[in-house]
Amino acid sequence: MGSKVAHVNTSDSGPDISIDQLDDADAGALLTLQRAAFVSEAQIYGSADMPPLTQTLEQLRAELRENDAWGARAGGRLVGAIRFRVDGGTLLIGRISVAPDQQGEGIGRMLLESAEQRSGAAEAELFTGSLSEANIRLYESCGYAVSERVPDGDGTEQVFMRKLLRT
């Protein structure tokens, strides 16, 4: 496990959450978390044929070599993760995954804030699907604004969102 960037308690009764850098040794747990987290998205879109659910362990390992990945742990259990990279001063946020039983507890927000602070980037960009209303609300509450909507072939749209991190 890499360096630790945060250690907080999200509620009076809940366990402490630590945010640590993930590496190849975490790939199996990360893939399990990702698949569990995206089942609800598959239900919203009526299809399990989406990259977070079809990605293989080897594909994930390759992605971990090319991107930063941070995980939120509660009592040693991986309960959230975010993948990102900086390109030309822009923080490009990849998949954010939170365990279904931990969604709504602030873990996604903590992961976003950690990536933003760590990146040193001037702005951040992410995207989600247009039917993922809870995700859009979360990102808007974190200061992201819709910058572009790109039609998908299935009648939905990819919603790109941006946030200015520093001037």
N, C-alpha and C. Protein backbone atom coordinates (compact mmCIF):
# COMPACT_ATOMS: atom_id res chain seq x y z
N MET A 1 0.84 -1.17 0.00
CA MET A 1 0.00 0.00 0.00
C MET A 1 0.89 1.23 0.00
N GLY A 2 0.47 2.27 -0.69
CA GLY A 2 1.24 3.50 -0.81
C GLY A 2 1.01 4.43 0.35
N SER A 3 1.25 5.70 0.11
CA SER A 3 1.15 6.69 1.17
C SER A 3 -0.30 6.99 1.52
N LYS A 4 -0.49 7.40 2.76
CA LYS A 4 -1.82 7.73 3.26
C LYS A 4 -2.02 9.23 3.14
N VAL A 5 -3.19 9.65 2.63
CA VAL A 5 -3.44 11.08 2.48
C VAL A 5 -4.52 11.60 3.41
N ALA A 6 -5.33 10.74 3.97
CA ALA A 6 -6.40 11.23 4.83
C ALA A 6 -6.80 10.13 5.80
N HIS A 7 -7.30 10.56 6.94
CA HIS A 7 -7.84 9.65 7.93
C HIS A 7 -8.94 10.40 8.65
N VAL A 8 -10.16 10.06 8.35
CA VAL A 8 -11.29 10.79 8.92
C VAL A 8 -12.38 9.83 9.36
N ASN A 9 -13.25 10.33 10.21
CA ASN A 9 -14.44 9.60 10.62
C ASN A 9 -15.62 10.29 9.96
N THR A 10 -16.38 9.54 9.14
CA THR A 10 -17.48 10.14 8.41
C THR A 10 -18.75 10.28 9.23
N SER A 11 -18.84 9.59 10.34
CA SER A 11 -20.01 9.73 11.21
C SER A 11 -19.62 9.36 12.62
N ASP A 12 -20.45 9.73 13.57
CA ASP A 12 -20.15 9.45 14.97
C ASP A 12 -20.12 7.96 15.25
N SER A 13 -20.93 7.18 14.54
CA SER A 13 -21.00 5.76 14.83
C SER A 13 -20.21 4.90 13.86
N GLY A 14 -19.81 5.47 12.72
CA GLY A 14 -19.13 4.68 11.70
C GLY A 14 -17.64 4.55 11.94
N PRO A 15 -17.02 3.65 11.19
CA PRO A 15 -15.58 3.45 11.32
C PRO A 15 -14.81 4.60 10.69
N ASP A 16 -13.56 4.75 11.11
CA ASP A 16 -12.68 5.72 10.48
C ASP A 16 -12.44 5.30 9.03
N ILE A 17 -12.32 6.29 8.17
CA ILE A 17 -12.02 6.05 6.76
C ILE A 17 -10.62 6.57 6.49
N SER A 18 -9.77 5.74 5.92
CA SER A 18 -8.45 6.20 5.49
C SER A 18 -8.41 6.16 3.97
N ILE A 19 -7.70 7.11 3.39
CA ILE A 19 -7.53 7.15 1.94
C ILE A 19 -6.06 6.92 1.64
N ASP A 20 -5.79 5.85 0.89
CA ASP A 20 -4.44 5.43 0.57
C ASP A 20 -4.29 5.22 -0.93
N GLN A 21 -3.05 5.33 -1.39
CA GLN A 21 -2.76 5.04 -2.79
C GLN A 21 -2.91 3.53 -3.02
N LEU A 22 -3.50 3.17 -4.15
CA LEU A 22 -3.67 1.77 -4.51
C LEU A 22 -2.59 1.38 -5.52
N ASP A 23 -2.29 0.09 -5.54
CA ASP A 23 -1.32 -0.42 -6.51
C ASP A 23 -1.77 -1.78 -7.02
N ASP A 24 -0.89 -2.44 -7.74
CA ASP A 24 -1.24 -3.71 -8.37
C ASP A 24 -1.75 -4.75 -7.37
N ALA A 25 -1.24 -4.73 -6.16
CA ALA A 25 -1.68 -5.69 -5.15
C ALA A 25 -3.15 -5.49 -4.77
N ASP A 26 -3.69 -4.31 -5.03
CA ASP A 26 -5.09 -4.01 -4.71
C ASP A 26 -6.04 -4.28 -5.87
N ALA A 27 -5.51 -4.72 -7.01
CA ALA A 27 -6.32 -4.83 -8.22
C ALA A 27 -7.53 -5.74 -8.06
N GLY A 28 -7.38 -6.88 -7.42
CA GLY A 28 -8.50 -7.80 -7.25
C GLY A 28 -9.61 -7.20 -6.40
N ALA A 29 -9.24 -6.59 -5.28
CA ALA A 29 -10.23 -5.94 -4.42
C ALA A 29 -10.89 -4.77 -5.14
N LEU A 30 -10.10 -4.03 -5.92
CA LEU A 30 -10.64 -2.89 -6.65
C LEU A 30 -11.64 -3.35 -7.71
N LEU A 31 -11.32 -4.41 -8.43
CA LEU A 31 -12.25 -4.92 -9.45
C LEU A 31 -13.55 -5.40 -8.81
N THR A 32 -13.45 -6.07 -7.68
CA THR A 32 -14.65 -6.52 -6.96
C THR A 32 -15.50 -5.33 -6.53
N LEU A 33 -14.85 -4.32 -5.94
CA LEU A 33 -15.55 -3.10 -5.53
C LEU A 33 -16.22 -2.44 -6.73
N GLN A 34 -15.47 -2.27 -7.81
CA GLN A 34 -15.99 -1.61 -9.01
C GLN A 34 -17.23 -2.31 -9.53
N ARG A 35 -17.18 -3.62 -9.63
CA ARG A 35 -18.33 -4.37 -10.15
C ARG A 35 -19.53 -4.23 -9.23
N ALA A 36 -19.32 -4.31 -7.93
CA ALA A 36 -20.44 -4.14 -6.99
C ALA A 36 -21.03 -2.74 -7.09
N ALA A 37 -20.16 -1.74 -7.20
CA ALA A 37 -20.61 -0.35 -7.23
C ALA A 37 -21.40 -0.02 -8.49
N PHE A 38 -21.07 -0.66 -9.60
CA PHE A 38 -21.71 -0.30 -10.87
C PHE A 38 -22.92 -1.15 -11.23
N VAL A 39 -23.31 -2.09 -10.37
CA VAL A 39 -24.52 -2.87 -10.63
C VAL A 39 -25.74 -1.95 -10.69
N SER A 40 -25.81 -0.97 -9.79
CA SER A 40 -26.95 -0.05 -9.79
C SER A 40 -26.98 0.79 -11.07
N GLU A 41 -25.81 1.13 -11.62
CA GLU A 41 -25.76 1.85 -12.89
C GLU A 41 -26.29 0.96 -14.02
N ALA A 42 -25.92 -0.31 -14.01
CA ALA A 42 -26.41 -1.25 -15.02
C ALA A 42 -27.93 -1.34 -14.96
N GLN A 43 -28.48 -1.33 -13.75
CA GLN A 43 -29.94 -1.38 -13.61
C GLN A 43 -30.59 -0.12 -14.16
N ILE A 44 -29.99 1.04 -13.91
CA ILE A 44 -30.52 2.31 -14.42
C ILE A 44 -30.55 2.30 -15.94
N TYR A 45 -29.49 1.80 -16.55
CA TYR A 45 -29.36 1.83 -18.01
C TYR A 45 -29.91 0.58 -18.69
N GLY A 46 -30.31 -0.41 -17.90
CA GLY A 46 -30.89 -1.62 -18.46
C GLY A 46 -29.90 -2.47 -19.24
N SER A 47 -28.62 -2.39 -18.85
CA SER A 47 -27.59 -3.16 -19.55
C SER A 47 -26.38 -3.37 -18.66
N ALA A 48 -25.91 -4.60 -18.62
CA ALA A 48 -24.68 -4.89 -17.89
C ALA A 48 -23.46 -4.77 -18.79
N ASP A 49 -23.68 -4.42 -20.05
CA ASP A 49 -22.59 -4.29 -21.01
C ASP A 49 -22.01 -2.89 -20.93
N MET A 50 -21.32 -2.63 -19.82
CA MET A 50 -20.65 -1.34 -19.63
C MET A 50 -19.25 -1.60 -19.12
N PRO A 51 -18.28 -0.77 -19.51
CA PRO A 51 -16.87 -1.04 -19.18
C PRO A 51 -16.58 -1.34 -17.71
N PRO A 52 -17.19 -0.66 -16.73
CA PRO A 52 -16.86 -1.00 -15.35
C PRO A 52 -17.24 -2.44 -14.96
N LEU A 53 -18.20 -3.02 -15.69
CA LEU A 53 -18.64 -4.38 -15.38
C LEU A 53 -17.97 -5.43 -16.27
N THR A 54 -17.46 -5.01 -17.42
CA THR A 54 -16.84 -5.98 -18.33
C THR A 54 -15.32 -5.94 -18.29
N GLN A 55 -14.75 -4.95 -17.61
CA GLN A 55 -13.29 -4.83 -17.52
C GLN A 55 -12.70 -6.07 -16.85
N THR A 56 -11.62 -6.59 -17.41
CA THR A 56 -10.95 -7.75 -16.84
C THR A 56 -9.89 -7.30 -15.82
N LEU A 57 -9.41 -8.25 -15.06
CA LEU A 57 -8.37 -7.96 -14.08
C LEU A 57 -7.11 -7.45 -14.78
N GLU A 58 -6.74 -8.06 -15.89
CA GLU A 58 -5.55 -7.61 -16.62
C GLU A 58 -5.73 -6.20 -17.17
N GLN A 59 -6.91 -5.89 -17.67
CA GLN A 59 -7.18 -4.53 -18.16
C GLN A 59 -7.08 -3.52 -17.02
N LEU A 60 -7.59 -3.89 -15.86
CA LEU A 60 -7.53 -3.01 -14.70
C LEU A 60 -6.08 -2.80 -14.27
N ARG A 61 -5.31 -3.87 -14.25
CA ARG A 61 -3.89 -3.74 -13.87
C ARG A 61 -3.16 -2.79 -14.83
N ALA A 62 -3.44 -2.90 -16.12
CA ALA A 62 -2.83 -2.00 -17.10
C ALA A 62 -3.25 -0.55 -16.83
N GLU A 63 -4.51 -0.36 -16.49
CA GLU A 63 -5.00 0.98 -16.18
C GLU A 63 -4.33 1.55 -14.94
N LEU A 64 -4.08 0.71 -13.95
CA LEU A 64 -3.41 1.15 -12.73
C LEU A 64 -1.97 1.60 -12.99
N ARG A 65 -1.34 1.01 -14.01
CA ARG A 65 0.03 1.42 -14.35
C ARG A 65 0.06 2.80 -15.01
N GLU A 66 -1.05 3.22 -15.60
CA GLU A 66 -1.11 4.48 -16.35
C GLU A 66 -1.81 5.61 -15.61
N ASN A 67 -2.45 5.32 -14.49
CA ASN A 67 -3.24 6.31 -13.75
C ASN A 67 -2.95 6.22 -12.26
N ASP A 68 -3.22 7.30 -11.56
CA ASP A 68 -3.20 7.25 -10.10
C ASP A 68 -4.50 6.61 -9.64
N ALA A 69 -4.43 5.88 -8.56
CA ALA A 69 -5.62 5.26 -7.98
C ALA A 69 -5.52 5.38 -6.47
N TRP A 70 -6.60 5.82 -5.86
CA TRP A 70 -6.66 5.98 -4.41
C TRP A 70 -7.89 5.25 -3.91
N GLY A 71 -7.75 4.64 -2.75
CA GLY A 71 -8.85 3.89 -2.18
C GLY A 71 -9.20 4.36 -0.78
N ALA A 72 -10.48 4.28 -0.48
CA ALA A 72 -10.98 4.58 0.87
C ALA A 72 -11.19 3.24 1.57
N ARG A 73 -10.64 3.14 2.77
CA ARG A 73 -10.76 1.90 3.54
C ARG A 73 -11.44 2.18 4.87
N ALA A 74 -12.31 1.27 5.24
CA ALA A 74 -12.97 1.31 6.55
C ALA A 74 -12.67 -0.03 7.22
N GLY A 75 -11.96 0.03 8.33
CA GLY A 75 -11.61 -1.21 9.02
C GLY A 75 -10.84 -2.17 8.13
N GLY A 76 -10.00 -1.66 7.23
CA GLY A 76 -9.21 -2.49 6.34
C GLY A 76 -9.93 -2.88 5.06
N ARG A 77 -11.23 -2.67 5.00
CA ARG A 77 -12.03 -3.03 3.81
C ARG A 77 -12.00 -1.88 2.80
N LEU A 78 -11.75 -2.21 1.54
CA LEU A 78 -11.81 -1.21 0.47
C LEU A 78 -13.28 -0.89 0.20
N VAL A 79 -13.69 0.34 0.52
CA VAL A 79 -15.09 0.74 0.38
C VAL A 79 -15.29 1.81 -0.69
N GLY A 80 -14.21 2.33 -1.23
CA GLY A 80 -14.32 3.34 -2.28
C GLY A 80 -13.00 3.48 -3.01
N ALA A 81 -13.08 3.96 -4.25
CA ALA A 81 -11.86 4.16 -5.04
C ALA A 81 -12.10 5.21 -6.11
N ILE A 82 -11.01 5.85 -6.50
CA ILE A 82 -11.04 6.82 -7.59
C ILE A 82 -9.77 6.65 -8.41
N ARG A 83 -9.91 6.78 -9.73
CA ARG A 83 -8.75 6.72 -10.62
C ARG A 83 -8.69 8.04 -11.38
N PHE A 84 -7.47 8.55 -11.57
CA PHE A 84 -7.32 9.84 -12.23
C PHE A 84 -5.92 10.00 -12.78
N ARG A 85 -5.76 11.00 -13.64
CA ARG A 85 -4.45 11.40 -14.15
C ARG A 85 -4.53 12.88 -14.50
N VAL A 86 -3.39 13.52 -14.58
CA VAL A 86 -3.32 14.92 -14.97
C VAL A 86 -2.76 14.99 -16.38
N ASP A 87 -3.44 15.73 -17.23
CA ASP A 87 -3.03 15.89 -18.62
C ASP A 87 -3.13 17.37 -18.98
N GLY A 88 -1.99 18.00 -19.24
CA GLY A 88 -1.98 19.40 -19.64
C GLY A 88 -2.62 20.34 -18.63
N GLY A 89 -2.45 20.08 -17.36
CA GLY A 89 -3.01 20.94 -16.33
C GLY A 89 -4.44 20.64 -15.96
N THR A 90 -5.02 19.61 -16.59
CA THR A 90 -6.40 19.21 -16.28
C THR A 90 -6.39 17.86 -15.57
N LEU A 91 -7.07 17.81 -14.44
CA LEU A 91 -7.27 16.56 -13.72
C LEU A 91 -8.39 15.80 -14.41
N LEU A 92 -8.06 14.65 -14.97
CA LEU A 92 -9.05 13.81 -15.64
C LEU A 92 -9.45 12.70 -14.68
N ILE A 93 -10.66 12.78 -14.18
CA ILE A 93 -11.13 11.83 -13.18
C ILE A 93 -11.79 10.66 -13.88
N GLY A 94 -11.33 9.48 -13.54
CA GLY A 94 -11.88 8.26 -14.11
C GLY A 94 -12.96 7.70 -13.21
N ARG A 95 -12.98 6.42 -13.08
CA ARG A 95 -14.05 5.77 -12.33
C ARG A 95 -13.98 6.08 -10.84
N ILE A 96 -15.12 6.46 -10.32
CA ILE A 96 -15.30 6.59 -8.87
C ILE A 96 -16.23 5.45 -8.48
N SER A 97 -15.79 4.63 -7.55
CA SER A 97 -16.57 3.48 -7.12
C SER A 97 -16.73 3.53 -5.61
N VAL A 98 -17.95 3.35 -5.14
CA VAL A 98 -18.22 3.28 -3.71
C VAL A 98 -19.07 2.04 -3.46
N ALA A 99 -18.70 1.25 -2.46
CA ALA A 99 -19.45 0.04 -2.13
C ALA A 99 -20.92 0.38 -1.91
N PRO A 100 -21.83 -0.45 -2.42
CA PRO A 100 -23.25 -0.13 -2.31
C PRO A 100 -23.72 0.18 -0.89
N ASP A 101 -23.19 -0.54 0.10
CA ASP A 101 -23.63 -0.30 1.48
C ASP A 101 -23.01 0.96 2.09
N GLN A 102 -22.11 1.61 1.37
CA GLN A 102 -21.46 2.83 1.86
C GLN A 102 -21.85 4.07 1.05
N GLN A 103 -22.64 3.89 0.00
CA GLN A 103 -23.04 5.02 -0.83
C GLN A 103 -23.91 5.98 -0.02
N GLY A 104 -23.69 7.27 -0.23
CA GLY A 104 -24.42 8.29 0.51
C GLY A 104 -23.77 8.67 1.83
N GLU A 105 -22.60 8.12 2.13
CA GLU A 105 -21.91 8.39 3.40
C GLU A 105 -20.78 9.41 3.25
N GLY A 106 -20.62 10.00 2.07
CA GLY A 106 -19.59 11.02 1.86
C GLY A 106 -18.27 10.50 1.34
N ILE A 107 -18.19 9.22 1.05
CA ILE A 107 -16.92 8.64 0.59
C ILE A 107 -16.57 9.13 -0.81
N GLY A 108 -17.53 9.19 -1.71
CA GLY A 108 -17.27 9.70 -3.05
C GLY A 108 -16.76 11.12 -3.02
N ARG A 109 -17.36 11.94 -2.19
CA ARG A 109 -16.94 13.34 -2.03
C ARG A 109 -15.51 13.40 -1.49
N MET A 110 -15.19 12.58 -0.49
CA MET A 110 -13.83 12.55 0.07
C MET A 110 -12.81 12.16 -0.99
N LEU A 111 -13.15 11.18 -1.81
CA LEU A 111 -12.23 10.74 -2.86
C LEU A 111 -12.02 11.84 -3.90
N LEU A 112 -13.10 12.50 -4.30
CA LEU A 112 -12.98 13.61 -5.25
C LEU A 112 -12.08 14.70 -4.70
N GLU A 113 -12.33 15.10 -3.46
CA GLU A 113 -11.54 16.17 -2.84
C GLU A 113 -10.07 15.77 -2.72
N SER A 114 -9.80 14.52 -2.39
CA SER A 114 -8.42 14.05 -2.28
C SER A 114 -7.71 14.13 -3.63
N ALA A 115 -8.38 13.69 -4.69
CA ALA A 115 -7.78 13.74 -6.02
C ALA A 115 -7.54 15.18 -6.45
N GLU A 116 -8.51 16.06 -6.19
CA GLU A 116 -8.36 17.47 -6.57
C GLU A 116 -7.16 18.10 -5.85
N GLN A 117 -7.05 17.84 -4.56
CA GLN A 117 -5.97 18.43 -3.77
C GLN A 117 -4.61 17.86 -4.17
N ARG A 118 -4.55 16.60 -4.42
CA ARG A 118 -3.29 15.93 -4.74
C ARG A 118 -2.78 16.29 -6.13
N SER A 119 -3.67 16.58 -7.05
CA SER A 119 -3.30 16.70 -8.46
C SER A 119 -2.45 17.91 -8.80
N GLY A 120 -2.66 19.03 -8.12
CA GLY A 120 -1.99 20.27 -8.48
C GLY A 120 -2.51 20.87 -9.78
N ALA A 121 -3.58 20.32 -10.33
CA ALA A 121 -4.14 20.78 -11.60
C ALA A 121 -4.93 22.07 -11.42
N ALA A 122 -5.09 22.79 -12.52
CA ALA A 122 -5.85 24.04 -12.51
C ALA A 122 -7.35 23.80 -12.64
N GLU A 123 -7.73 22.69 -13.28
CA GLU A 123 -9.14 22.36 -13.44
C GLU A 123 -9.30 20.85 -13.43
N ALA A 124 -10.55 20.42 -13.25
CA ALA A 124 -10.85 19.00 -13.24
C ALA A 124 -11.99 18.72 -14.20
N GLU A 125 -11.97 17.52 -14.77
CA GLU A 125 -13.03 17.11 -15.68
C GLU A 125 -13.40 15.67 -15.38
N LEU A 126 -14.68 15.38 -15.47
CA LEU A 126 -15.18 14.02 -15.32
C LEU A 126 -16.40 13.87 -16.20
N PHE A 127 -16.90 12.65 -16.31
CA PHE A 127 -18.15 12.47 -17.05
C PHE A 127 -18.94 11.33 -16.43
N THR A 128 -20.23 11.36 -16.70
CA THR A 128 -21.15 10.33 -16.25
C THR A 128 -22.27 10.24 -17.27
N GLY A 129 -23.13 9.27 -17.13
CA GLY A 129 -24.26 9.15 -18.03
C GLY A 129 -25.41 10.05 -17.60
N SER A 130 -26.22 10.43 -18.58
CA SER A 130 -27.32 11.37 -18.30
C SER A 130 -28.39 10.79 -17.39
N LEU A 131 -28.50 9.48 -17.29
CA LEU A 131 -29.50 8.87 -16.40
C LEU A 131 -28.98 8.71 -14.97
N SER A 132 -27.71 8.98 -14.76
CA SER A 132 -27.08 8.83 -13.44
C SER A 132 -27.29 10.10 -12.62
N GLU A 133 -28.55 10.34 -12.26
CA GLU A 133 -28.92 11.60 -11.61
C GLU A 133 -28.24 11.81 -10.27
N ALA A 134 -28.07 10.75 -9.49
CA ALA A 134 -27.40 10.89 -8.18
C ALA A 134 -25.95 11.32 -8.37
N ASN A 135 -25.29 10.77 -9.38
CA ASN A 135 -23.90 11.16 -9.66
C ASN A 135 -23.84 12.63 -10.05
N ILE A 136 -24.73 13.05 -10.93
CA ILE A 136 -24.74 14.44 -11.38
C ILE A 136 -24.98 15.38 -10.19
N ARG A 137 -25.90 15.02 -9.31
CA ARG A 137 -26.16 15.85 -8.11
C ARG A 137 -24.92 15.93 -7.23
N LEU A 138 -24.24 14.80 -7.03
CA LEU A 138 -23.02 14.80 -6.22
C LEU A 138 -21.98 15.73 -6.83
N TYR A 139 -21.73 15.58 -8.12
CA TYR A 139 -20.70 16.38 -8.77
C TYR A 139 -21.06 17.86 -8.73
N GLU A 140 -22.32 18.20 -8.93
CA GLU A 140 -22.73 19.60 -8.84
C GLU A 140 -22.53 20.14 -7.43
N SER A 141 -22.83 19.32 -6.42
CA SER A 141 -22.65 19.76 -5.03
C SER A 141 -21.17 19.94 -4.68
N CYS A 142 -20.29 19.32 -5.46
CA CYS A 142 -18.84 19.46 -5.27
C CYS A 142 -18.27 20.58 -6.13
N GLY A 143 -19.12 21.33 -6.82
CA GLY A 143 -18.66 22.47 -7.60
C GLY A 143 -18.47 22.23 -9.08
N TYR A 144 -18.84 21.06 -9.58
CA TYR A 144 -18.73 20.77 -11.01
C TYR A 144 -19.95 21.31 -11.74
N ALA A 145 -19.73 21.75 -12.98
CA ALA A 145 -20.82 22.24 -13.83
C ALA A 145 -20.77 21.51 -15.16
N VAL A 146 -21.93 21.28 -15.74
CA VAL A 146 -22.01 20.60 -17.03
C VAL A 146 -21.32 21.47 -18.08
N SER A 147 -20.39 20.87 -18.81
CA SER A 147 -19.68 21.60 -19.86
C SER A 147 -20.07 21.12 -21.25
N GLU A 148 -20.55 19.88 -21.34
CA GLU A 148 -20.90 19.34 -22.65
C GLU A 148 -21.77 18.10 -22.46
N ARG A 149 -22.68 17.91 -23.39
CA ARG A 149 -23.49 16.68 -23.44
C ARG A 149 -23.26 16.05 -24.81
N VAL A 150 -22.85 14.79 -24.80
CA VAL A 150 -22.53 14.09 -26.04
C VAL A 150 -23.50 12.92 -26.19
N PRO A 151 -24.28 12.90 -27.27
CA PRO A 151 -25.23 11.80 -27.46
C PRO A 151 -24.51 10.45 -27.53
N ASP A 152 -25.11 9.48 -26.86
CA ASP A 152 -24.65 8.10 -26.94
C ASP A 152 -25.58 7.39 -27.93
N GLY A 153 -25.17 6.29 -28.46
CA GLY A 153 -25.97 5.57 -29.45
C GLY A 153 -27.25 4.96 -28.90
N ASP A 154 -27.41 4.94 -27.58
CA ASP A 154 -28.57 4.29 -26.97
C ASP A 154 -29.68 5.28 -26.56
N GLY A 155 -29.58 6.52 -27.02
CA GLY A 155 -30.59 7.51 -26.67
C GLY A 155 -30.28 8.30 -25.42
N THR A 156 -29.19 7.95 -24.74
CA THR A 156 -28.77 8.72 -23.56
C THR A 156 -27.62 9.64 -23.99
N GLU A 157 -27.09 10.34 -23.02
CA GLU A 157 -25.96 11.23 -23.29
C GLU A 157 -24.85 11.00 -22.28
N GLN A 158 -23.63 11.26 -22.69
CA GLN A 158 -22.52 11.36 -21.75
C GLN A 158 -22.49 12.81 -21.31
N VAL A 159 -22.50 13.03 -20.01
CA VAL A 159 -22.51 14.37 -19.45
C VAL A 159 -21.11 14.69 -18.93
N PHE A 160 -20.43 15.62 -19.60
CA PHE A 160 -19.10 16.04 -19.19
C PHE A 160 -19.25 17.23 -18.25
N MET A 161 -18.48 17.20 -17.16
CA MET A 161 -18.56 18.25 -16.15
C MET A 161 -17.16 18.73 -15.82
N ARG A 162 -17.04 20.03 -15.54
CA ARG A 162 -15.74 20.64 -15.24
C ARG A 162 -15.84 21.46 -13.95
N LYS A 163 -14.66 21.63 -13.34
CA LYS A 163 -14.55 22.45 -12.14
C LYS A 163 -13.21 23.18 -12.17
N LEU A 164 -13.24 24.46 -11.90
CA LEU A 164 -12.01 25.23 -11.77
C LEU A 164 -11.45 24.97 -10.38
N LEU A 165 -10.20 24.51 -10.31
CA LEU A 165 -9.58 24.19 -9.03
C LEU A 165 -8.74 25.33 -8.49
N ARG A 166 -8.11 26.07 -9.37
CA ARG A 166 -7.31 27.23 -8.96
C ARG A 166 -7.17 28.16 -10.14
N THR A 167 -6.92 29.42 -9.84
CA THR A 167 -6.79 30.41 -10.92
C THR A 167 -5.34 30.80 -11.11
